[in-house]
């Protein structure tokens, strides 16, 4: 009886449906932990590079030098990418105005063009940051119900076996019930870390979005002093 109630023994002797549920939940859990590790490393790198970039940006360095340093120092960070999009549009605008002064017809965008370029860059960064978060949310909300399905199925089989064998003793019922309840436990094991991680990374995304929006506004104000409408 003791051996029959061991977790591993219960899993190995579970029905095909319950085993399928357990394998699915295990797979979802492994994927979630992979996403969590990847996101943790991503946000840690982003925080470090954003802080370093802001320190360089507000140090008074020439913006051309700041722009040229981005590919080497900040290959894929939100604030440098937004700065790069806005400043390149500013350079394009300055070139277009020089051509206008030479009586050439060009499609200059002005400050609105710079703002649109930075907004597009911000949207791309937000899409990158929020990537895979929906999977964590989906696992967090569905895994308990998947586990519950395995539990209901296992308990149903246990009662069917009772009807077939006409044996209602605890020794006969307990293994089947315990096997079924393991599915619920697996569902919670998959769901709880996913929900915690989703809430944590969603908050990090909102903080990063606020930082990007603030930087965009400040940079637009700086560029507006050098642009004539």
Protein backbone atom coordinates (compact mmCIF):
# COMPACT_ATOMS: atom_id res chain seq x y z
CA UNK A 1 0.00 0.00 0.00
CA UNK A 2 2.84 2.40 0.84
CA UNK A 3 4.56 1.70 -2.48
CA UNK A 4 1.30 2.18 -4.38
CA UNK A 5 0.87 5.65 -2.83
CA UNK A 6 4.30 6.92 -3.85
CA UNK A 7 4.09 9.86 -6.27
CA UNK A 8 6.23 8.27 -8.97
CA UNK A 9 4.30 5.01 -8.76
CA UNK A 10 0.99 6.85 -9.06
CA UNK A 11 2.21 8.78 -12.11
CA UNK A 12 3.56 5.72 -13.89
CA UNK A 13 0.33 3.80 -13.28
CA UNK A 14 -2.01 6.63 -14.23
CA UNK A 15 -4.39 6.27 -17.17
CA UNK A 16 -3.51 7.52 -20.64
CA UNK A 17 -5.65 10.65 -20.36
CA UNK A 18 -4.20 11.60 -16.98
CA UNK A 19 -0.67 10.91 -18.21
CA UNK A 20 -1.36 13.09 -21.24
CA UNK A 21 -2.55 15.90 -18.98
CA UNK A 22 0.55 15.57 -16.78
CA UNK A 23 2.89 15.60 -19.80
CA UNK A 24 1.13 18.66 -21.24
CA UNK A 25 1.35 20.54 -17.94
CA UNK A 26 5.01 19.59 -17.55
CA UNK A 27 5.75 20.84 -21.07
CA UNK A 28 3.91 24.12 -20.42
CA UNK A 29 5.82 24.57 -17.16
CA UNK A 30 9.19 24.01 -18.88
CA UNK A 31 8.32 26.55 -21.60
CA UNK A 32 7.20 29.07 -18.97
CA UNK A 33 10.45 28.70 -17.03
CA UNK A 34 12.39 29.21 -20.26
CA UNK A 35 10.44 32.40 -20.97
CA UNK A 36 10.90 33.59 -17.38
CA UNK A 37 14.66 33.10 -17.52
CA UNK A 38 14.88 34.84 -20.90
CA UNK A 39 12.76 37.78 -19.75
CA UNK A 40 14.68 38.15 -16.51
CA UNK A 41 17.96 38.37 -18.42
CA UNK A 42 16.41 40.77 -20.97
CA UNK A 43 15.07 43.22 -18.39
CA UNK A 44 18.28 43.12 -16.38
CA UNK A 45 20.27 44.01 -19.52
CA UNK A 46 17.80 46.71 -20.51
CA UNK A 47 17.94 48.37 -17.09
CA UNK A 48 21.73 48.41 -17.16
CA UNK A 49 22.02 49.72 -20.72
CA UNK A 50 19.28 52.32 -20.31
CA UNK A 51 20.95 53.72 -17.20
CA UNK A 52 24.31 53.81 -18.96
CA UNK A 53 22.82 55.48 -22.03
CA UNK A 54 21.02 58.16 -20.01
CA UNK A 55 24.26 58.90 -18.20
CA UNK A 56 26.04 59.40 -21.54
CA UNK A 57 23.12 61.32 -23.07
CA UNK A 58 22.88 63.86 -20.26
CA UNK A 59 26.65 64.21 -19.89
CA UNK A 60 26.75 66.90 -22.57
CA UNK A 61 28.40 64.83 -25.27
CA UNK A 62 27.82 65.71 -28.91
CA UNK A 63 24.78 63.80 -30.16
CA UNK A 64 26.62 62.67 -33.28
CA UNK A 65 29.10 60.89 -31.01
CA UNK A 66 26.26 59.41 -28.97
CA UNK A 67 24.63 58.16 -32.18
CA UNK A 68 27.83 56.59 -33.49
CA UNK A 69 28.39 54.71 -30.20
CA UNK A 70 24.98 53.01 -30.17
CA UNK A 71 25.72 50.00 -32.47
CA UNK A 72 28.73 48.98 -30.35
CA UNK A 73 27.54 49.82 -26.83
CA UNK A 74 23.74 49.46 -27.05
CA UNK A 75 22.96 47.09 -29.92
CA UNK A 76 19.33 46.54 -28.98
CA UNK A 77 18.09 48.66 -26.09
CA UNK A 78 14.86 50.69 -25.97
CA UNK A 79 16.09 54.20 -25.13
CA UNK A 80 19.07 54.16 -27.54
CA UNK A 81 16.79 52.84 -30.30
CA UNK A 82 14.26 55.62 -29.70
CA UNK A 83 17.04 58.22 -29.65
CA UNK A 84 18.48 56.78 -32.84
CA UNK A 85 15.13 56.92 -34.64
CA UNK A 86 14.47 60.50 -33.56
CA UNK A 87 17.94 61.85 -34.20
CA UNK A 88 18.24 60.24 -37.62
CA UNK A 89 14.93 61.85 -38.56
CA UNK A 90 16.27 65.16 -37.26
CA UNK A 91 19.38 64.80 -39.45
CA UNK A 92 17.16 63.98 -42.43
CA UNK A 93 15.05 67.04 -41.70
CA UNK A 94 18.13 69.26 -41.53
CA UNK A 95 19.35 67.90 -44.87
CA UNK A 96 15.93 68.47 -46.45
CA UNK A 97 15.83 72.07 -45.22
CA UNK A 98 19.24 72.67 -46.74
CA UNK A 99 17.89 71.44 -50.05
CA UNK A 100 14.81 73.65 -49.70
CA UNK A 101 17.10 76.65 -49.32
CA UNK A 102 18.64 75.65 -52.66
CA UNK A 103 15.14 75.82 -54.26
CA UNK A 104 14.81 72.01 -54.42
CA UNK A 105 11.45 70.37 -53.74
CA UNK A 106 11.65 67.79 -50.93
CA UNK A 107 9.20 66.12 -48.53
CA UNK A 108 10.39 67.45 -45.19
CA UNK A 109 8.56 66.19 -42.11
CA UNK A 110 9.70 68.63 -39.44
CA UNK A 111 9.00 68.06 -35.77
CA UNK A 112 5.92 65.97 -36.52
CA UNK A 113 8.04 63.60 -38.59
CA UNK A 114 10.51 63.22 -35.74
CA UNK A 115 7.70 62.55 -33.30
CA UNK A 116 6.19 59.91 -35.59
CA UNK A 117 9.56 58.21 -36.02
CA UNK A 118 10.06 58.06 -32.26
CA UNK A 119 6.51 56.83 -31.68
CA UNK A 120 7.07 54.05 -34.22
CA UNK A 121 10.32 53.07 -32.49
CA UNK A 122 8.57 53.09 -29.11
CA UNK A 123 5.82 50.82 -30.48
CA UNK A 124 8.42 48.37 -31.79
CA UNK A 125 10.17 48.31 -28.42
CA UNK A 126 6.90 47.72 -26.59
CA UNK A 127 6.08 44.84 -28.91
CA UNK A 128 9.50 43.32 -28.19
CA UNK A 129 9.13 43.74 -24.43
CA UNK A 130 5.63 42.27 -24.28
CA UNK A 131 6.50 39.31 -26.50
CA UNK A 132 5.64 35.96 -24.84
CA UNK A 133 3.90 37.60 -21.87
CA UNK A 134 0.54 36.51 -23.26
CA UNK A 135 1.76 32.88 -23.13
CA UNK A 136 2.52 33.24 -19.40
CA UNK A 137 -0.92 34.74 -18.85
CA UNK A 138 -2.58 31.93 -20.82
CA UNK A 139 -0.77 29.21 -18.88
CA UNK A 140 -1.51 30.93 -15.59
CA UNK A 141 -5.23 31.05 -16.33
CA UNK A 142 -5.70 27.66 -18.05
CA UNK A 143 -3.26 25.28 -16.32
CA UNK A 144 -5.44 24.81 -13.19
CA UNK A 145 -8.41 23.88 -15.38
CA UNK A 146 -6.30 21.48 -17.44
CA UNK A 147 -5.21 19.85 -14.19
CA UNK A 148 -8.80 19.81 -12.97
CA UNK A 149 -9.84 18.02 -16.15
CA UNK A 150 -7.25 15.32 -15.42
CA UNK A 151 -8.52 15.09 -11.86
CA UNK A 152 -12.16 14.72 -12.90
CA UNK A 153 -11.23 12.10 -15.46
CA UNK A 154 -9.13 10.16 -12.94
CA UNK A 155 -11.81 10.25 -10.25
CA UNK A 156 -14.42 9.13 -12.77
CA UNK A 157 -12.26 6.14 -13.67
CA UNK A 158 -11.73 5.39 -9.98
CA UNK A 159 -15.49 5.25 -9.35
CA UNK A 160 -16.01 3.13 -12.45
CA UNK A 161 -13.47 0.66 -11.10
CA UNK A 162 -15.34 0.60 -7.79
CA UNK A 163 -18.53 -0.27 -9.67
CA UNK A 164 -16.81 -3.01 -11.62
CA UNK A 165 -14.96 -4.62 -8.71
CA UNK A 166 -17.61 -3.88 -6.05
CA UNK A 167 -14.71 -3.11 -3.70
CA UNK A 168 -15.33 0.08 -1.69
CA UNK A 169 -12.47 -0.28 0.75
CA UNK A 170 -10.11 2.67 1.25
CA UNK A 171 -7.18 0.59 0.04
CA UNK A 172 -8.91 0.10 -3.30
CA UNK A 173 -10.13 3.69 -3.71
CA UNK A 174 -7.17 5.70 -2.40
CA UNK A 175 -4.64 5.06 -5.23
CA UNK A 176 -7.09 6.10 -7.95
CA UNK A 177 -8.14 9.25 -6.08
CA UNK A 178 -4.53 10.18 -5.29
CA UNK A 179 -3.54 9.62 -8.93
CA UNK A 180 -6.31 11.97 -10.03
CA UNK A 181 -5.38 14.68 -7.55
CA UNK A 182 -1.79 14.74 -8.85
CA UNK A 183 -3.14 16.34 -12.03
CA UNK A 184 -4.52 19.25 -10.00
CA UNK A 185 -1.19 19.63 -8.24
CA UNK A 186 0.65 19.71 -11.58
CA UNK A 187 -1.78 22.34 -12.82
CA UNK A 188 -1.06 24.57 -9.82
CA UNK A 189 2.70 23.98 -10.14
CA UNK A 190 2.52 25.23 -13.74
CA UNK A 191 0.10 28.08 -13.09
CA UNK A 192 1.44 29.78 -9.95
CA UNK A 193 4.95 30.65 -11.24
CA UNK A 194 3.44 31.73 -14.58
CA UNK A 195 1.03 34.16 -12.88
CA UNK A 196 3.73 35.57 -10.61
CA UNK A 197 6.12 36.00 -13.55
CA UNK A 198 3.45 37.60 -15.72
CA UNK A 199 2.58 40.18 -13.06
CA UNK A 200 6.25 40.92 -12.43
CA UNK A 201 7.26 41.30 -16.09
CA UNK A 202 4.09 43.21 -16.92
CA UNK A 203 4.99 45.74 -14.21
CA UNK A 204 8.55 45.92 -15.59
CA UNK A 205 7.15 46.56 -19.06
CA UNK A 206 4.98 49.40 -17.79
CA UNK A 207 7.94 50.99 -15.98
CA UNK A 208 10.09 50.72 -19.10
CA UNK A 209 7.27 52.16 -21.22
CA UNK A 210 6.96 55.13 -18.85
CA UNK A 211 10.72 55.67 -19.04
CA UNK A 212 10.64 55.56 -22.84
CA UNK A 213 7.71 57.95 -23.02
CA UNK A 214 9.42 60.41 -20.66
CA UNK A 215 12.66 60.27 -22.65
CA UNK A 216 10.77 60.79 -25.91
CA UNK A 217 9.09 63.91 -24.55
CA UNK A 218 12.37 65.32 -23.24
CA UNK A 219 14.21 64.60 -26.47
CA UNK A 220 11.44 66.17 -28.56
CA UNK A 221 11.73 69.31 -26.41
CA UNK A 222 15.48 69.43 -27.04
CA UNK A 223 15.10 69.00 -30.79
CA UNK A 224 12.27 71.52 -31.00
CA UNK A 225 14.70 74.28 -30.00
CA UNK A 226 16.72 73.57 -33.14
CA UNK A 227 13.83 73.28 -35.59
CA UNK A 228 11.92 76.09 -37.18
CA UNK A 229 8.36 75.12 -38.00
